[in-house]
Amino acid sequence: MFLPAQYVWFEPVLIAAIVVFIIDLVGNSIGLGNRFLSALMSAIVFALVFGALVYFGYGNVSMSVTTTPSATAPAQTQK
């Protein structure tokens, strides 16, 4: 990690921007100067790369929520 702790969220965004830039370069080189074809090729290359990353388990997002009861919360009684 090359950023301070408060900017830890920015590192994956920066890496993703670089990856999308490279994918767009590949798509534009395949598109041979046609804007629509370049956009289509970029989308296809991105879908292939993103699909491969998801399929092989890279870049998964997992979230967990933990709650602790507050000391001032009212007690719950079961009926």
PDB file of N, CA and C in Angstrom:
ATOM      1  N   MET A   1       0.860  -1.174   0.000  1.00  0.00           N
ATOM      2  CA  MET A   1       0.000   0.000   0.000  1.00  0.00           C
ATOM      3  C   MET A   1       0.899   1.227   0.000  1.00  0.00           C
ATOM      4  N   PHE A   2       0.685   2.109  -0.925  1.00  0.00           N
ATOM      5  CA  PHE A   2       1.535   3.287  -1.048  1.00  0.00           C
ATOM      6  C   PHE A   2       0.833   4.583  -0.673  1.00  0.00           C
ATOM      7  N   LEU A   3      -0.355   4.492  -0.132  1.00  0.00           N
ATOM      8  CA  LEU A   3      -1.113   5.674   0.269  1.00  0.00           C
ATOM      9  C   LEU A   3      -1.311   5.682   1.780  1.00  0.00           C
ATOM     10  N   PRO A   4      -1.551   6.863   2.359  1.00  0.00           N
ATOM     11  CA  PRO A   4      -1.860   6.910   3.798  1.00  0.00           C
ATOM     12  C   PRO A   4      -3.148   6.140   4.113  1.00  0.00           C
ATOM     13  N   ALA A   5      -3.331   5.819   5.379  1.00  0.00           N
ATOM     14  CA  ALA A   5      -4.443   4.958   5.799  1.00  0.00           C
ATOM     15  C   ALA A   5      -5.808   5.550   5.469  1.00  0.00           C
ATOM     16  N   GLN A   6      -5.957   6.869   5.516  1.00  0.00           N
ATOM     17  CA  GLN A   6      -7.270   7.450   5.245  1.00  0.00           C
ATOM     18  C   GLN A   6      -7.629   7.392   3.757  1.00  0.00           C
ATOM     19  N   TYR A   7      -6.677   7.088   2.894  1.00  0.00           N
ATOM     20  CA  TYR A   7      -6.945   6.987   1.458  1.00  0.00           C
ATOM     21  C   TYR A   7      -6.812   5.552   0.954  1.00  0.00           C
ATOM     22  N   VAL A   8      -6.997   4.578   1.829  1.00  0.00           N
ATOM     23  CA  VAL A   8      -6.857   3.185   1.429  1.00  0.00           C
ATOM     24  C   VAL A   8      -7.900   2.789   0.385  1.00  0.00           C
ATOM     25  N   TRP A   9      -9.034   3.440   0.350  1.00  0.00           N
ATOM     26  CA  TRP A   9     -10.087   3.149  -0.624  1.00  0.00           C
ATOM     27  C   TRP A   9      -9.688   3.593  -2.025  1.00  0.00           C
ATOM     28  N   PHE A  10      -8.730   4.515  -2.134  1.00  0.00           N
ATOM     29  CA  PHE A  10      -8.370   5.075  -3.437  1.00  0.00           C
ATOM     30  C   PHE A  10      -7.473   4.142  -4.239  1.00  0.00           C
ATOM     31  N   GLU A  11      -6.741   3.256  -3.570  1.00  0.00           N
ATOM     32  CA  GLU A  11      -5.820   2.368  -4.276  1.00  0.00           C
ATOM     33  C   GLU A  11      -6.522   1.439  -5.263  1.00  0.00           C
ATOM     34  N   PRO A  12      -7.608   0.721  -4.890  1.00  0.00           N
ATOM     35  CA  PRO A  12      -8.275  -0.108  -5.896  1.00  0.00           C
ATOM     36  C   PRO A  12      -8.897   0.703  -7.019  1.00  0.00           C
ATOM     37  N   VAL A  13      -9.345   1.932  -6.718  1.00  0.00           N
ATOM     38  CA  VAL A  13      -9.903   2.795  -7.763  1.00  0.00           C
ATOM     39  C   VAL A  13      -8.813   3.169  -8.760  1.00  0.00           C
ATOM     40  N   LEU A  14      -7.639   3.499  -8.259  1.00  0.00           N
ATOM     41  CA  LEU A  14      -6.523   3.866  -9.126  1.00  0.00           C
ATOM     42  C   LEU A  14      -6.072   2.683  -9.983  1.00  0.00           C
ATOM     43  N   ILE A  15      -5.994   1.520  -9.384  1.00  0.00           N
ATOM     44  CA  ILE A  15      -5.604   0.320 -10.137  1.00  0.00           C
ATOM     45  C   ILE A  15      -6.641  -0.010 -11.205  1.00  0.00           C
ATOM     46  N   ALA A  16      -7.923   0.106 -10.861  1.00  0.00           N
ATOM     47  CA  ALA A  16      -8.987  -0.160 -11.838  1.00  0.00           C
ATOM     48  C   ALA A  16      -8.946   0.843 -12.984  1.00  0.00           C
ATOM     49  N   ALA A  17      -8.643   2.107 -12.689  1.00  0.00           N
ATOM     50  CA  ALA A  17      -8.550   3.116 -13.746  1.00  0.00           C
ATOM     51  C   ALA A  17      -7.411   2.797 -14.704  1.00  0.00           C
ATOM     52  N   ILE A  18      -6.304   2.331 -14.186  1.00  0.00           N
ATOM     53  CA  ILE A  18      -5.172   1.963 -15.041  1.00  0.00           C
ATOM     54  C   ILE A  18      -5.529   0.761 -15.915  1.00  0.00           C
ATOM     55  N   VAL A  19      -6.207  -0.221 -15.325  1.00  0.00           N
ATOM     56  CA  VAL A  19      -6.609  -1.414 -16.090  1.00  0.00           C
ATOM     57  C   VAL A  19      -7.588  -1.030 -17.195  1.00  0.00           C
ATOM     58  N   VAL A  20      -8.560  -0.183 -16.890  1.00  0.00           N
ATOM     59  CA  VAL A  20      -9.530   0.238 -17.907  1.00  0.00           C
ATOM     60  C   VAL A  20      -8.843   1.051 -18.999  1.00  0.00           C
ATOM     61  N   PHE A  21      -7.855   1.867 -18.635  1.00  0.00           N
ATOM     62  CA  PHE A  21      -7.112   2.621 -19.638  1.00  0.00           C
ATOM     63  C   PHE A  21      -6.391   1.688 -20.606  1.00  0.00           C
ATOM     64  N   ILE A  22      -5.751   0.655 -20.075  1.00  0.00           N
ATOM     65  CA  ILE A  22      -5.034  -0.300 -20.933  1.00  0.00           C
ATOM     66  C   ILE A  22      -6.020  -1.074 -21.807  1.00  0.00           C
ATOM     67  N   ILE A  23      -7.159  -1.475 -21.223  1.00  0.00           N
ATOM     68  CA  ILE A  23      -8.178  -2.175 -22.009  1.00  0.00           C
ATOM     69  C   ILE A  23      -8.708  -1.281 -23.118  1.00  0.00           C
ATOM     70  N   ASP A  24      -8.880   0.005 -22.834  1.00  0.00           N
ATOM     71  CA  ASP A  24      -9.357   0.936 -23.856  1.00  0.00           C
ATOM     72  C   ASP A  24      -8.324   1.104 -24.962  1.00  0.00           C
ATOM     73  N   LEU A  25      -7.049   1.124 -24.614  1.00  0.00           N
ATOM     74  CA  LEU A  25      -6.011   1.183 -25.649  1.00  0.00           C
ATOM     75  C   LEU A  25      -6.073  -0.032 -26.562  1.00  0.00           C
ATOM     76  N   VAL A  26      -6.273  -1.202 -25.972  1.00  0.00           N
ATOM     77  CA  VAL A  26      -6.381  -2.425 -26.770  1.00  0.00           C
ATOM     78  C   VAL A  26      -7.618  -2.360 -27.662  1.00  0.00           C
ATOM     79  N   GLY A  27      -8.742  -1.926 -27.099  1.00  0.00           N
ATOM     80  CA  GLY A  27      -9.978  -1.826 -27.889  1.00  0.00           C
ATOM     81  C   GLY A  27      -9.860  -0.832 -29.023  1.00  0.00           C
ATOM     82  N   ASN A  28      -9.195   0.300 -28.768  1.00  0.00           N
ATOM     83  CA  ASN A  28      -9.024   1.292 -29.827  1.00  0.00           C
ATOM     84  C   ASN A  28      -8.081   0.808 -30.918  1.00  0.00           C
ATOM     85  N   SER A  29      -7.083   0.028 -30.552  1.00  0.00           N
ATOM     86  CA  SER A  29      -6.187  -0.491 -31.587  1.00  0.00           C
ATOM     87  C   SER A  29      -6.886  -1.544 -32.438  1.00  0.00           C
ATOM     88  N   ILE A  30      -7.806  -2.304 -31.848  1.00  0.00           N
ATOM     89  CA  ILE A  30      -8.562  -3.293 -32.615  1.00  0.00           C
ATOM     90  C   ILE A  30      -9.607  -2.607 -33.494  1.00  0.00           C
ATOM     91  N   GLY A  31     -10.148  -1.470 -33.024  1.00  0.00           N
ATOM     92  CA  GLY A  31     -11.220  -0.778 -33.736  1.00  0.00           C
ATOM     93  C   GLY A  31     -10.807  -0.109 -35.024  1.00  0.00           C
ATOM     94  N   LEU A  32      -9.530   0.061 -35.257  1.00  0.00           N
ATOM     95  CA  LEU A  32      -8.995   0.598 -36.508  1.00  0.00           C
ATOM     96  C   LEU A  32      -9.564   1.975 -36.865  1.00  0.00           C
ATOM     97  N   GLY A  33      -9.727   2.845 -35.889  1.00  0.00           N
ATOM     98  CA  GLY A  33     -10.135   4.224 -36.161  1.00  0.00           C
ATOM     99  C   GLY A  33     -11.626   4.491 -36.178  1.00  0.00           C
ATOM    100  N   ASN A  34     -12.451   3.478 -36.197  1.00  0.00           N
ATOM    101  CA  ASN A  34     -13.889   3.649 -36.166  1.00  0.00           C
ATOM    102  C   ASN A  34     -14.328   3.800 -34.711  1.00  0.00           C
ATOM    103  N   ARG A  35     -14.994   4.905 -34.388  1.00  0.00           N
ATOM    104  CA  ARG A  35     -15.353   5.177 -32.991  1.00  0.00           C
ATOM    105  C   ARG A  35     -16.300   4.133 -32.416  1.00  0.00           C
ATOM    106  N   PHE A  36     -17.319   3.796 -33.164  1.00  0.00           N
ATOM    107  CA  PHE A  36     -18.283   2.810 -32.679  1.00  0.00           C
ATOM    108  C   PHE A  36     -17.629   1.451 -32.499  1.00  0.00           C
ATOM    109  N   LEU A  37     -16.833   1.035 -33.464  1.00  0.00           N
ATOM    110  CA  LEU A  37     -16.158  -0.257 -33.377  1.00  0.00           C
ATOM    111  C   LEU A  37     -15.144  -0.268 -32.239  1.00  0.00           C
ATOM    112  N   SER A  38     -14.456   0.861 -32.011  1.00  0.00           N
ATOM    113  CA  SER A  38     -13.504   0.956 -30.904  1.00  0.00           C
ATOM    114  C   SER A  38     -14.210   0.838 -29.557  1.00  0.00           C
ATOM    115  N   ALA A  39     -15.351   1.504 -29.415  1.00  0.00           N
ATOM    116  CA  ALA A  39     -16.115   1.418 -28.167  1.00  0.00           C
ATOM    117  C   ALA A  39     -16.628   0.001 -27.954  1.00  0.00           C
ATOM    118  N   LEU A  40     -17.086  -0.628 -29.030  1.00  0.00           N
ATOM    119  CA  LEU A  40     -17.575  -1.993 -28.939  1.00  0.00           C
ATOM    120  C   LEU A  40     -16.454  -2.953 -28.555  1.00  0.00           C
ATOM    121  N   MET A  41     -15.299  -2.799 -29.167  1.00  0.00           N
ATOM    122  CA  MET A  41     -14.163  -3.667 -28.853  1.00  0.00           C
ATOM    123  C   MET A  41     -13.684  -3.448 -27.415  1.00  0.00           C
ATOM    124  N   SER A  42     -13.691  -2.205 -26.952  1.00  0.00           N
ATOM    125  CA  SER A  42     -13.299  -1.922 -25.564  1.00  0.00           C
ATOM    126  C   SER A  42     -14.268  -2.586 -24.596  1.00  0.00           C
ATOM    127  N   ALA A  43     -15.553  -2.518 -24.893  1.00  0.00           N
ATOM    128  CA  ALA A  43     -16.558  -3.140 -24.034  1.00  0.00           C
ATOM    129  C   ALA A  43     -16.397  -4.662 -24.012  1.00  0.00           C
ATOM    130  N   ILE A  44     -16.122  -5.245 -25.157  1.00  0.00           N
ATOM    131  CA  ILE A  44     -15.954  -6.695 -25.235  1.00  0.00           C
ATOM    132  C   ILE A  44     -14.701  -7.138 -24.483  1.00  0.00           C
ATOM    133  N   VAL A  45     -13.591  -6.414 -24.681  1.00  0.00           N
ATOM    134  CA  VAL A  45     -12.348  -6.765 -23.977  1.00  0.00           C
ATOM    135  C   VAL A  45     -12.542  -6.594 -22.472  1.00  0.00           C
ATOM    136  N   PHE A  46     -13.219  -5.521 -22.055  1.00  0.00           N
ATOM    137  CA  PHE A  46     -13.473  -5.313 -20.628  1.00  0.00           C
ATOM    138  C   PHE A  46     -14.334  -6.435 -20.066  1.00  0.00           C
ATOM    139  N   ALA A  47     -15.373  -6.834 -20.793  1.00  0.00           N
ATOM    140  CA  ALA A  47     -16.243  -7.909 -20.327  1.00  0.00           C
ATOM    141  C   ALA A  47     -15.465  -9.216 -20.181  1.00  0.00           C
ATOM    142  N   LEU A  48     -14.574  -9.488 -21.108  1.00  0.00           N
ATOM    143  CA  LEU A  48     -13.765 -10.703 -21.023  1.00  0.00           C
ATOM    144  C   LEU A  48     -12.826 -10.669 -19.821  1.00  0.00           C
ATOM    145  N   VAL A  49     -12.135  -9.548 -19.631  1.00  0.00           N
ATOM    146  CA  VAL A  49     -11.199  -9.434 -18.510  1.00  0.00           C
ATOM    147  C   VAL A  49     -11.952  -9.464 -17.183  1.00  0.00           C
ATOM    148  N   PHE A  50     -13.040  -8.701 -17.091  1.00  0.00           N
ATOM    149  CA  PHE A  50     -13.814  -8.656 -15.852  1.00  0.00           C
ATOM    150  C   PHE A  50     -14.444 -10.011 -15.557  1.00  0.00           C
ATOM    151  N   GLY A  51     -14.978 -10.659 -16.564  1.00  0.00           N
ATOM    152  CA  GLY A  51     -15.557 -11.987 -16.378  1.00  0.00           C
ATOM    153  C   GLY A  51     -14.526 -13.004 -15.914  1.00  0.00           C
ATOM    154  N   ALA A  52     -13.325 -12.939 -16.485  1.00  0.00           N
ATOM    155  CA  ALA A  52     -12.261 -13.852 -16.061  1.00  0.00           C
ATOM    156  C   ALA A  52     -11.855 -13.585 -14.618  1.00  0.00           C
ATOM    157  N   LEU A  53     -11.756 -12.328 -14.247  1.00  0.00           N
ATOM    158  CA  LEU A  53     -11.386 -11.996 -12.870  1.00  0.00           C
ATOM    159  C   LEU A  53     -12.445 -12.464 -11.878  1.00  0.00           C
ATOM    160  N   VAL A  54     -13.706 -12.290 -12.214  1.00  0.00           N
ATOM    161  CA  VAL A  54     -14.776 -12.732 -11.325  1.00  0.00           C
ATOM    162  C   VAL A  54     -14.825 -14.255 -11.267  1.00  0.00           C
ATOM    163  N   TYR A  55     -14.652 -14.899 -12.416  1.00  0.00           N
ATOM    164  CA  TYR A  55     -14.717 -16.364 -12.467  1.00  0.00           C
ATOM    165  C   TYR A  55     -13.616 -17.000 -11.625  1.00  0.00           C
ATOM    166  N   PHE A  56     -12.404 -16.446 -11.693  1.00  0.00           N
ATOM    167  CA  PHE A  56     -11.285 -17.011 -10.961  1.00  0.00           C
ATOM    168  C   PHE A  56     -11.162 -16.472  -9.541  1.00  0.00           C
ATOM    169  N   GLY A  57     -12.092 -15.618  -9.120  1.00  0.00           N
ATOM    170  CA  GLY A  57     -12.154 -15.208  -7.730  1.00  0.00           C
ATOM    171  C   GLY A  57     -11.306 -14.015  -7.350  1.00  0.00           C
ATOM    172  N   TYR A  58     -10.774 -13.286  -8.317  1.00  0.00           N
ATOM    173  CA  TYR A  58      -9.993 -12.096  -8.001  1.00  0.00           C
ATOM    174  C   TYR A  58     -10.935 -10.908  -7.891  1.00  0.00           C
ATOM    175  N   GLY A  59     -10.673 -10.045  -6.934  1.00  0.00           N
ATOM    176  CA  GLY A  59     -11.452  -8.827  -6.818  1.00  0.00           C
ATOM    177  C   GLY A  59     -12.824  -9.023  -6.217  1.00  0.00           C
ATOM    178  N   ASN A  60     -13.017 -10.079  -5.433  1.00  0.00           N
ATOM    179  CA  ASN A  60     -14.333 -10.260  -4.839  1.00  0.00           C
ATOM    180  C   ASN A  60     -14.540  -9.244  -3.716  1.00  0.00           C
ATOM    181  N   VAL A  61     -15.756  -8.908  -3.495  1.00  0.00           N
ATOM    182  CA  VAL A  61     -16.108  -7.947  -2.463  1.00  0.00           C
ATOM    183  C   VAL A  61     -16.907  -8.680  -1.413  1.00  0.00           C
ATOM    184  N   SER A  62     -16.444  -8.624  -0.191  1.00  0.00           N
ATOM    185  CA  SER A  62     -17.196  -9.240   0.894  1.00  0.00           C
ATOM    186  C   SER A  62     -17.417  -8.195   1.975  1.00  0.00           C
ATOM    187  N   MET A  63     -18.613  -8.199   2.483  1.00  0.00           N
ATOM    188  CA  MET A  63     -18.970  -7.236   3.508  1.00  0.00           C
ATOM    189  C   MET A  63     -19.559  -7.986   4.686  1.00  0.00           C
ATOM    190  N   SER A  64     -19.270  -7.502   5.878  1.00  0.00           N
ATOM    191  CA  SER A  64     -19.877  -8.092   7.054  1.00  0.00           C
ATOM    192  C   SER A  64     -20.324  -6.970   7.981  1.00  0.00           C
ATOM    193  N   VAL A  65     -21.422  -7.213   8.615  1.00  0.00           N
ATOM    194  CA  VAL A  65     -21.968  -6.221   9.537  1.00  0.00           C
ATOM    195  C   VAL A  65     -22.009  -6.864  10.912  1.00  0.00           C
ATOM    196  N   THR A  66     -21.400  -6.196  11.857  1.00  0.00           N
ATOM    197  CA  THR A  66     -21.464  -6.666  13.233  1.00  0.00           C
ATOM    198  C   THR A  66     -22.117  -5.580  14.074  1.00  0.00           C
ATOM    199  N   THR A  67     -22.974  -6.004  14.928  1.00  0.00           N
ATOM    200  CA  THR A  67     -23.644  -5.042  15.802  1.00  0.00           C
ATOM    201  C   THR A  67     -23.394  -5.432  17.243  1.00  0.00           C
ATOM    202  N   THR A  68     -23.229  -4.452  18.047  1.00  0.00           N
ATOM    203  CA  THR A  68     -23.100  -4.683  19.481  1.00  0.00           C
ATOM    204  C   THR A  68     -24.207  -3.913  20.159  1.00  0.00           C
ATOM    205  N   PRO A  69     -24.845  -4.527  21.123  1.00  0.00           N
ATOM    206  CA  PRO A  69     -25.932  -3.823  21.795  1.00  0.00           C
ATOM    207  C   PRO A  69     -25.401  -2.641  22.606  1.00  0.00           C
ATOM    208  N   SER A  70     -26.140  -1.598  22.576  1.00  0.00           N
ATOM    209  CA  SER A  70     -25.782  -0.405  23.331  1.00  0.00           C
ATOM    210  C   SER A  70     -26.160  -0.591  24.795  1.00  0.00           C
ATOM    211  N   ALA A  71     -25.380   0.019  25.669  1.00  0.00           N
ATOM    212  CA  ALA A  71     -25.663  -0.087  27.096  1.00  0.00           C
ATOM    213  C   ALA A  71     -26.962   0.628  27.452  1.00  0.00           C
ATOM    214  N   THR A  72     -27.361   1.618  26.665  1.00  0.00           N
ATOM    215  CA  THR A  72     -28.572   2.381  26.954  1.00  0.00           C
ATOM    216  C   THR A  72     -29.781   1.881  26.178  1.00  0.00           C
ATOM    217  N   ALA A  73     -29.619   0.828  25.398  1.00  0.00           N
ATOM    218  CA  ALA A  73     -30.745   0.294  24.616  1.00  0.00           C
ATOM    219  C   ALA A  73     -31.740  -0.389  25.542  1.00  0.00           C
ATOM    220  N   PRO A  74     -33.035  -0.261  25.253  1.00  0.00           N
ATOM    221  CA  PRO A  74     -34.018  -0.933  26.088  1.00  0.00           C
ATOM    222  C   PRO A  74     -33.925  -2.453  25.923  1.00  0.00           C
ATOM    223  N   ALA A  75     -34.160  -3.148  26.966  1.00  0.00           N
ATOM    224  CA  ALA A  75     -34.095  -4.615  26.927  1.00  0.00           C
ATOM    225  C   ALA A  75     -35.294  -5.156  26.159  1.00  0.00           C
ATOM    226  N   GLN A  76     -35.073  -6.205  25.420  1.00  0.00           N
ATOM    227  CA  GLN A  76     -36.162  -6.836  24.683  1.00  0.00           C
ATOM    228  C   GLN A  76     -36.551  -8.113  25.412  1.00  0.00           C
ATOM    229  N   THR A  77     -37.808  -8.252  25.657  1.00  0.00           N
ATOM    230  CA  THR A  77     -38.304  -9.455  26.322  1.00  0.00           C
ATOM    231  C   THR A  77     -39.051 -10.309  25.318  1.00  0.00           C
ATOM    232  N   GLN A  78     -38.925 -11.598  25.457  1.00  0.00           N
ATOM    233  CA  GLN A  78     -39.642 -12.495  24.556  1.00  0.00           C
ATOM    234  C   GLN A  78     -41.008 -12.801  25.147  1.00  0.00           C
ATOM    235  N   LYS A  79     -41.994 -12.895  24.307  1.00  0.00           N
ATOM    236  CA  LYS A  79     -43.361 -13.147  24.763  1.00  0.00           C
ATOM    237  C   LYS A  79     -43.723 -14.585  24.600  1.00  0.00           C
TER     238      LYS A  79
END
